[in-house]
Amino acid sequence: FEGVFYCAATTPLGQAIACPFDWIRDPCRDADNDDNSQDRCDLVYMGHNLLGSELHWLPDKYLVKWWQDTPWGKEYSTKDNTHDFIRHAIVSRGAPTTVPGEWEVHYKIPEIIGSKNDTSANKLKIPGLHCYQVPQGGRIHRQRYIEEAYQNCSHLKEPIVDQLCNYVIKEHNKKSNQKLQSPIQYAQMIASLPVIRVTVIRDVWSWLLSKFFWHPNFYSRNSTLVVGPWKGEPSFATRSYNAQRKNETVPPLIKCDDIEEAAYGWGANWAMTYLSYLCGEHCLSGWISNQMTLDEIEGQGAYNLRHSFAVVGLLHKTNEFYEMVTHRVAYMNTSLNPEVEGKTHSTGNNPEMERCRTKYKDPDFQARLMEKSPEIAALERLYNIAVEVNEFQTKELAECSTQFTPT
């Protein structure tokens, strides 16, 4: 699976328990059928997914083993697991919720959250995973779905498990005399998952410009209006001709250095997408449902860069990234098959694109845009953290391995 799963959960546990990939069969299947690998996953996976997407498809036993080793799970782990309601939720996460008694965690909610006298909680009914048919594709459809799922479909699994996640964090904080609950603890859950993650980060300004020219349409600062990128007169003539042949209308075209459109429209939207990649799928849902602030998303993204990735590479140092993966991950050797080359994946080149590249390298232009767009400013700060992490990891590998030579 590649993309963003339709899930309204705003916590990592909510993403894992309420939204399992039950339609993907055994991504971590036991090859020799001895049942010894049900709590592990020998799988190398790559894609354009957001951080934390693995929570949807990792095996139940794998997640249970992880949970019971975490600081939060240890408090509920007993020999008979009687009080470990999160464990019960994980092992039954694929159970249908339309049949009474199938999802036993539902009946534990009033007891767990201390609402035994709340008759409305005792009458809580949980329908299917979704209240209606999930719309197909599209950023605006995804946003509308999550908004409606969390605000109007209040009896979905997602908000129920989010309550449980917040409850166990709160209880852990009480017993360990920690400060009030912080969303950073969601990032700590992500980091504690026993998986090896690597990522490649591209500098903000070249990435934004690439997204601007790559997509033919995107939403304007007025979210009801669709606009497109201005690529110069020759490109406009070609686009107009193709639209006329298809009996279509060319949308209004905007230039890359239109500060207002970039700061409040396409640029801010794509910056939030980038931030969600570093923060996690639960952050995207939290942002859309107004349960997570930009500062909280940035804070979790910073924590993840420092603690959740075994390798943080930089796009302009791709060969060094491959070498770092080879030395960091014992079962990966990226020097094999050197004759394999990737396909061209470029936005092209013309005078207008060159003008925009020069503009987006201008520190004054960058400062003006970040002043108007807190999303882009937050993304730039996270990129600078990624550079620091990359430098630290590079130095660490050079000191620990005589075979690693940074470029």
Protein backbone atom coordinates (compact mmCIF):
# COMPACT_ATOMS: atom_id res chain seq x y z
CA PHE A 1 0.00 0.00 0.00
CA GLU A 2 1.27 3.47 -0.89
CA GLY A 3 -0.47 6.66 0.11
CA VAL A 4 -2.43 7.85 3.13
CA PHE A 5 -4.89 5.43 4.71
CA TYR A 6 -8.32 6.84 5.48
CA CYS A 7 -8.10 6.90 9.27
CA ALA A 8 -9.33 9.64 11.59
CA ALA A 9 -7.27 8.51 14.61
CA THR A 10 -5.10 11.24 16.13
CA THR A 11 -2.80 8.94 18.15
CA PRO A 12 -0.38 6.18 17.07
CA LEU A 13 -2.38 3.54 18.96
CA GLY A 14 -5.54 4.78 17.30
CA GLN A 15 -3.92 4.38 13.88
CA ALA A 16 -2.75 0.84 14.74
CA ILE A 17 -5.87 -0.51 16.41
CA ALA A 18 -8.77 1.31 14.77
CA CYS A 19 -7.48 1.11 11.20
CA PRO A 20 -5.76 -2.20 10.44
CA PHE A 21 -5.00 -3.20 6.86
CA ASP A 22 -7.19 -6.27 7.13
CA TRP A 23 -7.45 -6.45 3.35
CA ILE A 24 -3.70 -6.95 2.91
CA ARG A 25 -2.95 -10.61 3.50
CA ASP A 26 0.11 -11.47 5.58
CA PRO A 27 2.70 -8.86 4.52
CA CYS A 28 4.97 -10.47 7.15
CA ARG A 29 3.90 -14.05 6.39
CA ASP A 30 5.69 -16.95 8.04
CA ALA A 31 7.54 -18.59 5.15
CA ASP A 32 8.20 -21.94 6.89
CA ASN A 33 4.82 -22.03 8.70
CA ASP A 34 6.42 -22.77 12.08
CA ASP A 35 4.60 -19.85 13.74
CA ASN A 36 7.92 -18.59 15.11
CA SER A 37 7.92 -15.40 13.10
CA GLN A 38 4.46 -14.14 13.98
CA ASP A 39 5.94 -11.63 16.39
CA ARG A 40 8.51 -10.34 13.89
CA CYS A 41 8.49 -9.00 10.36
CA ASP A 42 11.42 -9.72 8.06
CA LEU A 43 10.32 -7.25 5.43
CA VAL A 44 12.16 -4.46 3.63
CA TYR A 45 9.61 -1.88 2.52
CA MET A 46 10.01 1.40 0.65
CA GLY A 47 7.49 3.94 -0.51
CA HIS A 48 6.14 7.47 -0.24
CA ASN A 49 4.18 6.75 2.92
CA LEU A 50 3.94 8.90 6.01
CA LEU A 51 5.84 7.94 9.14
CA GLY A 52 3.86 5.44 11.18
CA SER A 53 2.03 3.83 8.25
CA GLU A 54 3.60 0.52 9.30
CA LEU A 55 1.30 0.50 12.33
CA HIS A 56 -1.55 -0.52 10.02
CA TRP A 57 0.00 -3.71 8.69
CA LEU A 58 2.47 -5.04 11.27
CA PRO A 59 1.24 -8.38 12.73
CA ASP A 60 -0.87 -8.35 15.88
CA LYS A 61 1.65 -10.43 17.85
CA TYR A 62 4.43 -8.07 16.78
CA LEU A 63 2.49 -5.07 18.07
CA VAL A 64 1.56 -6.87 21.30
CA LYS A 65 5.20 -7.73 21.98
CA TRP A 66 6.17 -4.12 21.32
CA TRP A 67 3.38 -2.73 23.49
CA GLN A 68 4.21 -4.89 26.48
CA ASP A 69 7.85 -3.76 26.34
CA THR A 70 6.99 -0.05 26.30
CA PRO A 71 6.95 2.06 29.50
CA TRP A 72 3.18 2.48 29.05
CA GLY A 73 2.43 -1.19 28.39
CA LYS A 74 4.57 -2.61 31.19
CA GLU A 75 2.21 -1.17 33.77
CA TYR A 76 -0.64 -3.30 32.43
CA SER A 77 1.26 -6.48 31.54
CA THR A 78 0.45 -9.33 33.93
CA LYS A 79 0.78 -13.09 33.62
CA ASP A 80 -2.82 -13.49 32.58
CA ASN A 81 -3.06 -10.06 30.85
CA THR A 82 -6.37 -9.50 32.63
CA HIS A 83 -6.06 -5.73 32.83
CA ASP A 84 -4.14 -5.08 29.63
CA PHE A 85 -7.01 -3.64 27.64
CA ILE A 86 -4.67 -2.28 24.95
CA ARG A 87 -3.43 -5.81 24.30
CA HIS A 88 -7.03 -6.99 23.99
CA ALA A 89 -7.71 -4.16 21.56
CA ILE A 90 -4.72 -5.07 19.40
CA VAL A 91 -5.48 -8.78 19.11
CA SER A 92 -9.12 -8.04 18.32
CA ARG A 93 -8.54 -5.04 16.09
CA GLY A 94 -9.72 -6.88 12.99
CA ALA A 95 -13.00 -7.99 14.57
CA PRO A 96 -16.16 -6.52 13.05
CA THR A 97 -17.82 -3.92 15.23
CA THR A 98 -21.34 -4.32 13.91
CA VAL A 99 -22.00 -7.51 15.93
CA PRO A 100 -22.50 -6.93 19.67
CA GLY A 101 -19.78 -8.53 21.73
CA GLU A 102 -17.31 -8.91 18.87
CA TRP A 103 -15.06 -6.02 19.91
CA GLU A 104 -14.75 -6.58 23.65
CA VAL A 105 -12.79 -3.39 24.30
CA HIS A 106 -16.00 -1.43 23.75
CA TYR A 107 -17.44 -2.85 26.95
CA LYS A 108 -14.34 -1.90 28.93
CA ILE A 109 -14.51 1.79 28.04
CA PRO A 110 -16.74 3.02 30.93
CA GLU A 111 -14.61 1.12 33.43
CA ILE A 112 -11.33 2.30 31.93
CA ILE A 113 -12.03 6.01 31.65
CA GLY A 114 -13.77 6.19 35.03
CA SER A 115 -17.26 6.87 33.74
CA LYS A 116 -19.18 4.05 35.41
CA ASN A 117 -21.96 6.45 36.38
CA ASP A 118 -22.23 7.91 32.92
CA THR A 119 -25.22 6.22 31.34
CA SER A 120 -24.41 7.64 27.91
CA ALA A 121 -21.04 5.86 27.97
CA ASN A 122 -22.74 2.60 28.88
CA LYS A 123 -25.08 3.02 25.95
CA LEU A 124 -22.25 3.69 23.51
CA LYS A 125 -22.78 1.87 20.23
CA ILE A 126 -20.00 1.22 17.75
CA PRO A 127 -21.05 0.73 14.12
CA GLY A 128 -18.71 -0.31 11.33
CA LEU A 129 -15.25 1.14 10.86
CA HIS A 130 -16.68 3.90 8.67
CA CYS A 131 -20.00 5.66 8.66
CA TYR A 132 -20.19 5.84 4.88
CA GLN A 133 -18.36 4.93 1.72
CA VAL A 134 -14.82 6.31 1.66
CA PRO A 135 -14.43 8.75 -1.25
CA GLN A 136 -11.87 7.95 -3.88
CA GLY A 137 -8.54 9.82 -3.85
CA GLY A 138 -7.88 13.51 -3.74
CA ARG A 139 -6.52 15.73 -1.00
CA ILE A 140 -9.76 17.63 -0.42
CA HIS A 141 -11.73 14.38 -0.19
CA ARG A 142 -9.36 13.00 2.41
CA GLN A 143 -9.63 16.17 4.47
CA ARG A 144 -13.43 16.20 4.29
CA TYR A 145 -13.60 12.53 5.28
CA ILE A 146 -11.44 12.94 8.37
CA GLU A 147 -13.32 16.05 9.46
CA GLU A 148 -16.69 14.33 9.15
CA ALA A 149 -15.45 11.03 10.60
CA TYR A 150 -14.20 12.64 13.78
CA GLN A 151 -16.86 15.30 14.26
CA ASN A 152 -20.02 13.65 12.96
CA CYS A 153 -19.29 9.93 13.31
CA SER A 154 -18.39 10.09 16.97
CA HIS A 155 -18.84 6.36 17.57
CA LEU A 156 -16.12 5.13 15.26
CA LYS A 157 -13.26 3.08 16.62
CA GLU A 158 -10.82 5.93 16.06
CA PRO A 159 -11.99 8.32 18.82
CA ILE A 160 -12.52 5.39 21.19
CA VAL A 161 -8.93 4.17 20.87
CA ASP A 162 -7.63 7.74 20.98
CA GLN A 163 -9.27 8.00 24.41
CA LEU A 164 -7.52 4.81 25.49
CA CYS A 165 -4.15 6.04 24.25
CA ASN A 166 -4.48 9.33 26.09
CA TYR A 167 -5.65 7.48 29.18
CA VAL A 168 -2.62 5.17 29.41
CA ILE A 169 -0.25 8.10 28.84
CA LYS A 170 -1.99 10.11 31.56
CA GLU A 171 -1.86 7.20 34.00
CA HIS A 172 1.83 6.57 33.24
CA ASN A 173 2.60 10.24 33.85
CA LYS A 174 0.84 10.14 37.23
CA LYS A 175 2.77 7.10 38.42
CA SER A 176 6.12 8.40 37.17
CA ASN A 177 5.52 11.98 38.42
CA GLN A 178 5.98 13.40 34.94
CA LYS A 179 4.57 16.69 33.78
CA LEU A 180 1.22 16.99 32.07
CA GLN A 181 0.61 14.96 28.96
CA SER A 182 2.45 16.18 25.89
CA PRO A 183 1.96 15.17 22.24
CA ILE A 184 5.71 14.50 22.21
CA GLN A 185 4.81 11.22 23.89
CA TYR A 186 3.08 10.18 20.66
CA ALA A 187 6.45 10.61 18.95
CA GLN A 188 8.03 8.53 21.71
CA MET A 189 5.60 5.73 20.86
CA ILE A 190 6.59 5.96 17.20
CA ALA A 191 10.29 5.91 18.09
CA SER A 192 9.90 2.93 20.44
CA LEU A 193 8.50 0.67 17.71
CA PRO A 194 11.20 -1.97 16.92
CA VAL A 195 11.60 -1.18 13.24
CA ILE A 196 14.50 0.33 11.31
CA ARG A 197 13.50 3.43 9.37
CA VAL A 198 15.56 5.43 6.91
CA THR A 199 14.58 8.54 5.00
CA VAL A 200 15.94 11.03 2.49
CA ILE A 201 15.15 14.71 3.02
CA ARG A 202 15.09 17.27 0.22
CA ASP A 203 15.72 20.94 0.81
CA VAL A 204 12.47 22.84 1.26
CA TRP A 205 12.79 25.35 -1.57
CA SER A 206 13.68 23.03 -4.43
CA TRP A 207 11.00 20.61 -3.20
CA LEU A 208 8.29 23.27 -3.12
CA LEU A 209 9.18 24.43 -6.59
CA SER A 210 9.20 20.87 -7.89
CA LYS A 211 5.70 20.30 -6.46
CA PHE A 212 4.53 23.57 -8.01
CA PHE A 213 5.57 22.57 -11.52
CA TRP A 214 4.83 18.85 -11.24
CA HIS A 215 1.10 19.07 -10.55
CA PRO A 216 -1.19 20.54 -13.24
CA ASN A 217 -3.79 21.73 -10.72
CA PHE A 218 -4.02 22.55 -7.03
CA TYR A 219 -6.25 24.52 -4.70
CA SER A 220 -5.85 28.26 -4.49
CA ARG A 221 -5.74 30.23 -1.24
CA ASN A 222 -9.50 30.25 -1.80
CA SER A 223 -10.02 26.52 -1.29
CA THR A 224 -13.01 26.48 -3.64
CA LEU A 225 -10.90 27.63 -6.58
CA VAL A 226 -8.62 25.37 -8.60
CA VAL A 227 -5.56 26.99 -10.17
CA GLY A 228 -2.53 25.77 -12.06
CA PRO A 229 1.16 26.67 -12.46
CA TRP A 230 2.29 29.22 -15.01
CA LYS A 231 5.15 27.64 -16.98
CA GLY A 232 5.58 30.22 -19.71
CA GLU A 233 3.89 31.03 -23.03
CA PRO A 234 4.88 27.85 -24.97
CA SER A 235 3.59 25.62 -22.19
CA PHE A 236 0.40 27.68 -21.92
CA ALA A 237 -0.23 27.34 -25.65
CA THR A 238 0.17 23.56 -25.44
CA ARG A 239 -2.09 23.32 -22.43
CA SER A 240 -4.76 25.47 -24.06
CA TYR A 241 -4.67 23.34 -27.22
CA ASN A 242 -5.01 20.09 -25.25
CA ALA A 243 -7.84 21.52 -23.16
CA GLN A 244 -9.69 22.67 -26.28
CA ARG A 245 -9.42 19.20 -27.81
CA LYS A 246 -10.96 17.69 -24.67
CA ASN A 247 -13.60 20.43 -24.41
CA GLU A 248 -12.11 21.53 -21.09
CA THR A 249 -11.24 24.91 -19.62
CA VAL A 250 -7.76 25.89 -18.48
CA PRO A 251 -7.93 27.03 -14.83
CA PRO A 252 -6.44 30.38 -13.78
CA LEU A 253 -2.65 30.06 -13.81
CA ILE A 254 -0.46 31.58 -11.12
CA LYS A 255 3.25 32.32 -11.01
CA CYS A 256 5.65 30.65 -8.61
CA ASP A 257 6.54 33.93 -6.88
CA ASP A 258 2.97 34.94 -6.11
CA ILE A 259 3.60 35.30 -2.38
CA GLU A 260 -0.06 35.30 -1.36
CA GLU A 261 -0.88 32.10 -3.25
CA ALA A 262 2.24 30.33 -2.02
CA ALA A 263 1.84 31.43 1.61
CA TYR A 264 -1.88 30.74 1.96
CA GLY A 265 -2.59 28.28 -0.83
CA TRP A 266 -0.56 25.60 -2.58
CA GLY A 267 2.72 26.26 -0.71
CA ALA A 268 1.19 26.03 2.76
CA ASN A 269 -0.78 22.92 1.77
CA TRP A 270 2.27 21.07 0.45
CA ALA A 271 4.31 22.20 3.47
CA MET A 272 1.72 20.56 5.74
CA THR A 273 2.02 17.37 3.68
CA TYR A 274 5.81 17.38 4.14
CA LEU A 275 5.40 18.04 7.87
CA SER A 276 2.99 15.10 8.12
CA TYR A 277 5.57 12.78 6.53
CA LEU A 278 7.95 13.61 9.37
CA CYS A 279 5.37 13.72 12.15
CA GLY A 280 3.17 10.73 11.26
CA GLU A 281 -0.24 9.81 9.91
CA HIS A 282 -1.86 10.60 13.25
CA CYS A 283 -0.59 14.18 12.91
CA LEU A 284 -2.35 14.66 9.60
CA SER A 285 -5.62 13.55 11.18
CA GLY A 286 -4.96 15.67 14.26
CA TRP A 287 -4.34 18.76 12.14
CA ILE A 288 -7.41 18.29 9.95
CA SER A 289 -9.70 17.64 12.96
CA ASN A 290 -8.28 20.69 14.82
CA GLN A 291 -6.91 18.56 17.65
CA MET A 292 -3.24 19.25 17.04
CA THR A 293 -1.46 22.58 16.59
CA LEU A 294 1.29 23.40 14.13
CA ASP A 295 3.76 23.78 17.02
CA GLU A 296 2.87 20.28 18.26
CA ILE A 297 3.33 18.82 14.78
CA GLU A 298 6.69 20.54 14.41
CA GLY A 299 7.76 19.31 17.85
CA GLN A 300 6.89 15.70 17.04
CA GLY A 301 8.61 15.97 13.66
CA ALA A 302 11.79 17.24 15.32
CA TYR A 303 11.69 14.40 17.86
CA ASN A 304 11.19 11.84 15.09
CA LEU A 305 14.13 13.13 13.08
CA ARG A 306 16.36 12.78 16.13
CA HIS A 307 15.05 9.45 17.45
CA SER A 308 12.92 7.53 14.93
CA PHE A 309 15.25 7.17 11.92
CA ALA A 310 18.36 5.00 11.78
CA VAL A 311 19.52 7.04 8.78
CA VAL A 312 18.52 10.56 7.79
CA GLY A 313 19.91 11.20 4.33
CA LEU A 314 19.99 14.34 2.21
CA LEU A 315 18.93 14.26 -1.42
CA HIS A 316 21.98 16.13 -2.67
CA LYS A 317 24.14 13.46 -0.96
CA THR A 318 22.35 10.40 -2.33
CA ASN A 319 25.44 8.20 -2.68
CA GLU A 320 26.41 8.96 0.91
CA PHE A 321 22.90 7.96 2.00
CA TYR A 322 23.25 4.57 0.29
CA GLU A 323 26.59 4.04 1.97
CA MET A 324 25.15 5.02 5.35
CA VAL A 325 22.32 2.48 4.94
CA THR A 326 24.82 -0.26 4.05
CA HIS A 327 26.88 0.38 7.19
CA ARG A 328 23.98 1.04 9.52
CA VAL A 329 21.72 -1.88 8.55
CA ALA A 330 23.48 -5.25 8.61
CA TYR A 331 21.18 -6.99 6.11
CA MET A 332 21.24 -4.17 3.53
CA ASN A 333 23.96 -3.77 0.90
CA THR A 334 23.17 -0.92 -1.44
CA SER A 335 26.37 -1.43 -3.46
CA LEU A 336 24.89 -4.48 -5.21
CA ASN A 337 23.50 -4.27 -8.75
CA PRO A 338 25.33 -1.03 -9.64
CA GLU A 339 24.10 -1.23 -13.23
CA VAL A 340 20.50 -0.51 -12.15
CA GLU A 341 19.47 3.08 -12.86
CA GLY A 342 16.28 4.84 -11.94
CA LYS A 343 14.01 6.47 -14.48
CA THR A 344 14.02 10.20 -15.11
CA HIS A 345 11.75 11.95 -12.63
CA SER A 346 12.19 15.62 -13.41
CA THR A 347 9.83 18.57 -13.71
CA GLY A 348 11.65 19.71 -16.85
CA ASN A 349 13.35 22.94 -17.76
CA ASN A 350 12.44 26.18 -19.52
CA PRO A 351 13.13 29.92 -19.01
CA GLU A 352 10.24 30.35 -16.55
CA MET A 353 11.41 27.40 -14.44
CA GLU A 354 14.93 28.79 -14.40
CA ARG A 355 13.60 32.17 -13.28
CA CYS A 356 11.71 30.49 -10.46
CA ARG A 357 14.73 28.45 -9.36
CA THR A 358 16.73 31.65 -9.06
CA LYS A 359 13.89 33.31 -7.16
CA TYR A 360 13.52 30.43 -4.70
CA LYS A 361 17.24 30.53 -3.91
CA ASP A 362 16.98 34.20 -2.94
CA PRO A 363 17.22 34.56 0.88
CA ASP A 364 15.07 37.71 0.80
CA PHE A 365 12.27 35.92 -1.05
CA GLN A 366 12.51 32.95 1.32
CA ALA A 367 12.29 35.26 4.34
CA ARG A 368 9.22 37.07 2.94
CA LEU A 369 7.45 33.79 2.24
CA MET A 370 8.27 32.29 5.67
CA GLU A 371 7.09 35.48 7.37
CA LYS A 372 3.64 34.97 5.83
CA SER A 373 3.52 31.16 6.02
CA PRO A 374 4.14 29.57 9.44
CA GLU A 375 3.83 26.14 7.79
CA ILE A 376 6.74 26.77 5.42
CA ALA A 377 8.76 28.35 8.23
CA ALA A 378 8.22 25.26 10.40
CA LEU A 379 9.26 23.02 7.53
CA GLU A 380 12.48 25.00 7.01
CA ARG A 381 13.35 24.59 10.70
CA LEU A 382 12.79 20.83 10.47
CA TYR A 383 15.00 20.62 7.41
CA ASN A 384 17.79 22.34 9.34
CA ILE A 385 17.36 19.75 12.10
CA ALA A 386 17.58 17.00 9.48
CA VAL A 387 20.89 18.47 8.29
CA GLU A 388 22.20 18.44 11.87
CA VAL A 389 21.09 14.83 12.38
CA ASN A 390 22.71 13.82 9.10
CA GLU A 391 25.99 15.43 10.13
CA PHE A 392 25.91 13.68 13.50
CA GLN A 393 25.11 10.27 11.98
CA THR A 394 27.79 10.70 9.33
CA LYS A 395 30.40 11.54 11.97
CA GLU A 396 29.25 8.66 14.18
CA LEU A 397 29.54 6.11 11.36
CA ALA A 398 32.97 7.41 10.38
CA GLU A 399 34.18 6.93 13.95
CA CYS A 400 32.66 3.47 14.30
CA SER A 401 33.49 2.01 10.89
CA THR A 402 36.83 2.30 9.14
CA GLN A 403 35.11 1.30 5.87
CA PHE A 404 32.73 4.28 5.89
CA THR A 405 34.12 7.37 4.19
CA PRO A 406 31.72 10.33 4.05
CA THR A 407 31.63 12.23 0.76
